[in-house]
Amino acid sequence: MENTTEQVNHPQHYGGAENPYEAIKVINAWELNFELGNTVKYISRAGKKDPNKKIEDLKKALWYLNYEINKLEKNKIMETKNKTIYLLNINGTVYHLKKESHSL
């Protein structure tokens, strides 16, 4: 018995091949990273792949969005008048990297 519903190539729960707003097309067009791409993916399919899992899909989207926000907050770039200070967080250790501006 063959499954007549496409589940691999452009499945309907992500918009389908003919839809210009299919999740993968939007993610690529906007050049989103993994976390933001998954946020868009789970929002776009919420309740479409499985109507009983709409809340689960939205919670997954929120998880990826929160992950991205936390990542950005840990790696803030602070601008000062003559230098940029990069705060790099690697496994809980914060490194301060300074880039001095030089005028010619």
N, C-alpha and C. Protein backbone atom coordinates (compact mmCIF):
# COMPACT_ATOMS: atom_id res chain seq x y z
N MET A 1 0.84 -1.18 0.00
CA MET A 1 0.00 0.00 0.00
C MET A 1 0.89 1.25 0.00
N GLU A 2 0.67 2.17 -0.90
CA GLU A 2 1.49 3.36 -1.06
C GLU A 2 0.80 4.57 -0.44
N ASN A 3 1.57 5.39 0.27
CA ASN A 3 1.05 6.61 0.86
C ASN A 3 0.91 7.65 -0.25
N THR A 4 -0.30 8.11 -0.51
CA THR A 4 -0.53 9.06 -1.59
C THR A 4 -0.29 10.50 -1.17
N THR A 5 -0.13 10.74 0.13
CA THR A 5 0.14 12.09 0.61
C THR A 5 1.65 12.29 0.70
N GLU A 6 2.16 13.30 0.01
CA GLU A 6 3.60 13.59 0.00
C GLU A 6 4.03 14.05 1.39
N GLN A 7 5.03 13.37 1.95
CA GLN A 7 5.54 13.72 3.27
C GLN A 7 7.01 14.15 3.25
N VAL A 8 7.68 14.05 2.09
CA VAL A 8 9.10 14.37 2.02
C VAL A 8 9.37 15.60 1.17
N ASN A 9 8.96 15.57 -0.08
CA ASN A 9 9.23 16.67 -1.02
C ASN A 9 8.07 17.66 -1.04
N HIS A 10 8.26 18.79 -0.41
CA HIS A 10 7.26 19.87 -0.40
C HIS A 10 5.90 19.42 0.16
N PRO A 11 5.87 18.86 1.38
CA PRO A 11 4.60 18.42 1.94
C PRO A 11 3.65 19.60 2.19
N GLN A 12 2.37 19.33 2.17
CA GLN A 12 1.36 20.37 2.31
C GLN A 12 1.43 21.08 3.66
N HIS A 13 1.85 20.37 4.72
CA HIS A 13 1.89 21.03 6.03
C HIS A 13 2.98 22.10 6.11
N TYR A 14 3.87 22.18 5.10
CA TYR A 14 4.84 23.27 5.02
C TYR A 14 4.51 24.23 3.89
N GLY A 15 3.40 24.04 3.23
CA GLY A 15 2.96 24.97 2.19
C GLY A 15 2.83 24.36 0.82
N GLY A 16 3.59 23.31 0.51
CA GLY A 16 3.51 22.67 -0.80
C GLY A 16 4.37 23.34 -1.85
N ALA A 17 4.72 22.59 -2.87
CA ALA A 17 5.66 23.04 -3.92
C ALA A 17 5.16 24.28 -4.66
N GLU A 18 3.88 24.40 -4.88
CA GLU A 18 3.34 25.50 -5.67
C GLU A 18 3.18 26.79 -4.87
N ASN A 19 3.30 26.72 -3.57
CA ASN A 19 3.11 27.88 -2.71
C ASN A 19 4.39 28.70 -2.63
N PRO A 20 4.36 29.97 -3.05
CA PRO A 20 5.58 30.79 -2.97
C PRO A 20 6.01 31.06 -1.53
N TYR A 21 5.12 30.80 -0.57
CA TYR A 21 5.43 31.01 0.84
C TYR A 21 5.67 29.70 1.59
N GLU A 22 6.03 28.66 0.85
CA GLU A 22 6.40 27.39 1.48
C GLU A 22 7.52 27.68 2.47
N ALA A 23 7.47 27.03 3.62
CA ALA A 23 8.41 27.34 4.71
C ALA A 23 9.87 27.39 4.25
N ILE A 24 10.33 26.39 3.53
CA ILE A 24 11.74 26.35 3.12
C ILE A 24 12.10 27.51 2.19
N LYS A 25 11.16 27.93 1.36
CA LYS A 25 11.41 29.05 0.45
C LYS A 25 11.57 30.35 1.23
N VAL A 26 10.72 30.55 2.21
CA VAL A 26 10.79 31.75 3.04
C VAL A 26 12.08 31.75 3.86
N ILE A 27 12.40 30.62 4.48
CA ILE A 27 13.61 30.51 5.30
C ILE A 27 14.85 30.81 4.46
N ASN A 28 14.93 30.27 3.27
CA ASN A 28 16.08 30.53 2.39
C ASN A 28 16.10 31.97 1.89
N ALA A 29 14.95 32.50 1.50
CA ALA A 29 14.89 33.86 0.98
C ALA A 29 15.31 34.87 2.05
N TRP A 30 14.94 34.61 3.28
CA TRP A 30 15.28 35.51 4.38
C TRP A 30 16.64 35.20 4.99
N GLU A 31 17.31 34.17 4.48
CA GLU A 31 18.63 33.75 4.96
C GLU A 31 18.66 33.58 6.48
N LEU A 32 17.67 32.84 6.99
CA LEU A 32 17.57 32.62 8.43
C LEU A 32 18.53 31.54 8.90
N ASN A 33 19.02 31.69 10.11
CA ASN A 33 19.87 30.66 10.69
C ASN A 33 18.99 29.48 11.14
N PHE A 34 19.62 28.47 11.71
CA PHE A 34 18.91 27.25 12.10
C PHE A 34 17.77 27.54 13.08
N GLU A 35 18.05 28.33 14.11
CA GLU A 35 17.04 28.58 15.14
C GLU A 35 15.85 29.37 14.59
N LEU A 36 16.12 30.44 13.86
CA LEU A 36 15.02 31.23 13.32
C LEU A 36 14.29 30.48 12.21
N GLY A 37 15.02 29.68 11.45
CA GLY A 37 14.37 28.86 10.42
C GLY A 37 13.40 27.87 11.04
N ASN A 38 13.81 27.24 12.13
CA ASN A 38 12.90 26.30 12.80
C ASN A 38 11.72 27.02 13.43
N THR A 39 11.93 28.25 13.91
CA THR A 39 10.82 29.04 14.45
C THR A 39 9.76 29.25 13.37
N VAL A 40 10.20 29.68 12.19
CA VAL A 40 9.28 29.89 11.07
C VAL A 40 8.62 28.58 10.65
N LYS A 41 9.42 27.52 10.59
CA LYS A 41 8.90 26.21 10.17
C LYS A 41 7.77 25.75 11.09
N TYR A 42 8.00 25.81 12.40
CA TYR A 42 6.99 25.31 13.33
C TYR A 42 5.76 26.21 13.38
N ILE A 43 5.93 27.51 13.20
CA ILE A 43 4.77 28.40 13.14
C ILE A 43 3.96 28.11 11.87
N SER A 44 4.66 27.93 10.75
CA SER A 44 3.95 27.74 9.48
C SER A 44 3.19 26.42 9.42
N ARG A 45 3.66 25.42 10.15
CA ARG A 45 2.98 24.12 10.09
C ARG A 45 2.06 23.87 11.27
N ALA A 46 1.98 24.80 12.22
CA ALA A 46 1.20 24.60 13.45
C ALA A 46 -0.22 24.14 13.13
N GLY A 47 -0.53 22.94 13.59
CA GLY A 47 -1.86 22.37 13.41
C GLY A 47 -2.14 21.80 12.04
N LYS A 48 -1.21 21.92 11.09
CA LYS A 48 -1.44 21.42 9.73
C LYS A 48 -0.94 19.98 9.56
N LYS A 49 0.19 19.67 10.15
CA LYS A 49 0.71 18.31 10.05
C LYS A 49 -0.14 17.37 10.89
N ASP A 50 -0.47 17.83 12.09
CA ASP A 50 -1.34 17.07 12.99
C ASP A 50 -2.17 18.07 13.77
N PRO A 51 -3.47 18.18 13.47
CA PRO A 51 -4.32 19.16 14.15
C PRO A 51 -4.29 19.03 15.68
N ASN A 52 -3.99 17.86 16.18
CA ASN A 52 -3.95 17.65 17.63
C ASN A 52 -2.66 18.16 18.27
N LYS A 53 -1.70 18.60 17.44
CA LYS A 53 -0.41 19.03 17.96
C LYS A 53 -0.11 20.50 17.68
N LYS A 54 -1.14 21.30 17.49
CA LYS A 54 -0.93 22.72 17.20
C LYS A 54 -0.18 23.41 18.34
N ILE A 55 -0.61 23.16 19.57
CA ILE A 55 0.05 23.78 20.72
C ILE A 55 1.49 23.30 20.82
N GLU A 56 1.73 22.02 20.58
CA GLU A 56 3.10 21.47 20.61
C GLU A 56 3.99 22.15 19.58
N ASP A 57 3.47 22.33 18.35
CA ASP A 57 4.24 23.01 17.31
C ASP A 57 4.57 24.44 17.71
N LEU A 58 3.61 25.15 18.29
CA LEU A 58 3.86 26.53 18.72
C LEU A 58 4.84 26.60 19.88
N LYS A 59 4.81 25.61 20.76
CA LYS A 59 5.78 25.55 21.86
C LYS A 59 7.18 25.28 21.31
N LYS A 60 7.28 24.45 20.28
CA LYS A 60 8.57 24.21 19.64
C LYS A 60 9.09 25.49 19.01
N ALA A 61 8.22 26.23 18.33
CA ALA A 61 8.62 27.50 17.73
C ALA A 61 9.12 28.46 18.80
N LEU A 62 8.41 28.53 19.91
CA LEU A 62 8.80 29.40 21.01
C LEU A 62 10.13 28.97 21.61
N TRP A 63 10.37 27.66 21.71
CA TRP A 63 11.63 27.16 22.24
C TRP A 63 12.80 27.63 21.37
N TYR A 64 12.66 27.48 20.05
CA TYR A 64 13.73 27.91 19.14
C TYR A 64 13.92 29.42 19.18
N LEU A 65 12.84 30.18 19.29
CA LEU A 65 12.95 31.63 19.36
C LEU A 65 13.64 32.04 20.66
N ASN A 66 13.27 31.44 21.77
CA ASN A 66 13.93 31.74 23.04
C ASN A 66 15.40 31.36 23.01
N TYR A 67 15.72 30.26 22.36
CA TYR A 67 17.12 29.84 22.23
C TYR A 67 17.92 30.90 21.50
N GLU A 68 17.36 31.42 20.40
CA GLU A 68 18.03 32.45 19.61
C GLU A 68 18.20 33.73 20.42
N ILE A 69 17.17 34.13 21.14
CA ILE A 69 17.25 35.34 21.97
C ILE A 69 18.34 35.18 23.03
N ASN A 70 18.36 34.05 23.72
CA ASN A 70 19.38 33.81 24.74
C ASN A 70 20.78 33.82 24.15
N LYS A 71 20.93 33.24 22.97
CA LYS A 71 22.23 33.23 22.30
C LYS A 71 22.68 34.66 22.00
N LEU A 72 21.78 35.48 21.50
CA LEU A 72 22.12 36.87 21.18
C LEU A 72 22.44 37.67 22.43
N GLU A 73 21.69 37.43 23.49
CA GLU A 73 21.94 38.16 24.73
C GLU A 73 23.30 37.80 25.33
N LYS A 74 23.73 36.58 25.14
CA LYS A 74 25.03 36.14 25.67
C LYS A 74 26.19 36.65 24.83
N ASN A 75 25.95 37.03 23.61
CA ASN A 75 27.01 37.46 22.70
C ASN A 75 26.77 38.89 22.23
N LYS A 76 26.51 39.76 23.17
CA LYS A 76 26.23 41.17 22.84
C LYS A 76 27.47 41.86 22.30
N ILE A 77 27.20 42.79 21.42
CA ILE A 77 28.26 43.68 20.94
C ILE A 77 27.97 45.06 21.51
N MET A 78 28.94 45.60 22.24
CA MET A 78 28.78 46.93 22.83
C MET A 78 29.65 47.92 22.08
N GLU A 79 29.04 48.97 21.60
CA GLU A 79 29.78 50.01 20.89
C GLU A 79 30.22 51.10 21.87
N THR A 80 31.43 51.55 21.75
CA THR A 80 31.92 52.71 22.49
C THR A 80 32.47 53.70 21.47
N LYS A 81 32.92 54.84 21.93
CA LYS A 81 33.36 55.89 21.02
C LYS A 81 34.50 55.44 20.11
N ASN A 82 35.51 54.80 20.65
CA ASN A 82 36.69 54.45 19.86
C ASN A 82 36.93 52.96 19.70
N LYS A 83 36.11 52.15 20.28
CA LYS A 83 36.36 50.72 20.19
C LYS A 83 35.06 49.93 20.27
N THR A 84 35.12 48.74 19.82
CA THR A 84 34.01 47.81 19.94
C THR A 84 34.46 46.71 20.88
N ILE A 85 33.64 46.40 21.84
CA ILE A 85 33.95 45.31 22.76
C ILE A 85 33.02 44.15 22.43
N TYR A 86 33.60 43.01 22.12
CA TYR A 86 32.82 41.82 21.82
C TYR A 86 32.80 40.93 23.06
N LEU A 87 31.63 40.58 23.51
CA LEU A 87 31.51 39.64 24.61
C LEU A 87 31.19 38.28 24.02
N LEU A 88 32.08 37.34 24.21
CA LEU A 88 31.92 36.01 23.64
C LEU A 88 31.71 35.04 24.78
N ASN A 89 30.61 34.33 24.79
CA ASN A 89 30.30 33.38 25.84
C ASN A 89 30.48 31.98 25.29
N ILE A 90 31.45 31.26 25.83
CA ILE A 90 31.69 29.87 25.42
C ILE A 90 31.53 28.99 26.64
N ASN A 91 30.49 28.18 26.63
CA ASN A 91 30.22 27.26 27.74
C ASN A 91 30.26 27.96 29.10
N GLY A 92 29.67 29.14 29.19
CA GLY A 92 29.58 29.85 30.44
C GLY A 92 30.77 30.74 30.76
N THR A 93 31.84 30.67 29.99
CA THR A 93 33.00 31.52 30.20
C THR A 93 32.89 32.71 29.25
N VAL A 94 32.96 33.93 29.81
CA VAL A 94 32.83 35.13 29.01
C VAL A 94 34.22 35.67 28.70
N TYR A 95 34.48 35.90 27.42
CA TYR A 95 35.74 36.47 26.96
C TYR A 95 35.47 37.86 26.41
N HIS A 96 36.31 38.81 26.76
CA HIS A 96 36.19 40.18 26.27
C HIS A 96 37.24 40.38 25.19
N LEU A 97 36.78 40.68 24.00
CA LEU A 97 37.68 40.93 22.88
C LEU A 97 37.51 42.38 22.46
N LYS A 98 38.58 43.11 22.36
CA LYS A 98 38.50 44.53 22.01
C LYS A 98 39.08 44.76 20.62
N LYS A 99 38.39 45.55 19.86
CA LYS A 99 38.87 45.95 18.53
C LYS A 99 39.03 47.46 18.56
N GLU A 100 40.26 47.92 18.49
CA GLU A 100 40.54 49.36 18.54
C GLU A 100 40.34 49.96 17.15
N SER A 101 39.80 51.18 17.12
CA SER A 101 39.67 51.93 15.87
C SER A 101 40.89 52.79 15.70
N HIS A 102 41.43 52.81 14.50
CA HIS A 102 42.60 53.62 14.21
C HIS A 102 42.28 54.55 13.04
N SER A 103 42.61 55.81 13.20
CA SER A 103 42.40 56.78 12.13
C SER A 103 43.68 56.94 11.34
N LEU A 104 43.56 57.13 10.06
CA LEU A 104 44.74 57.37 9.21
C LEU A 104 44.93 58.84 8.98
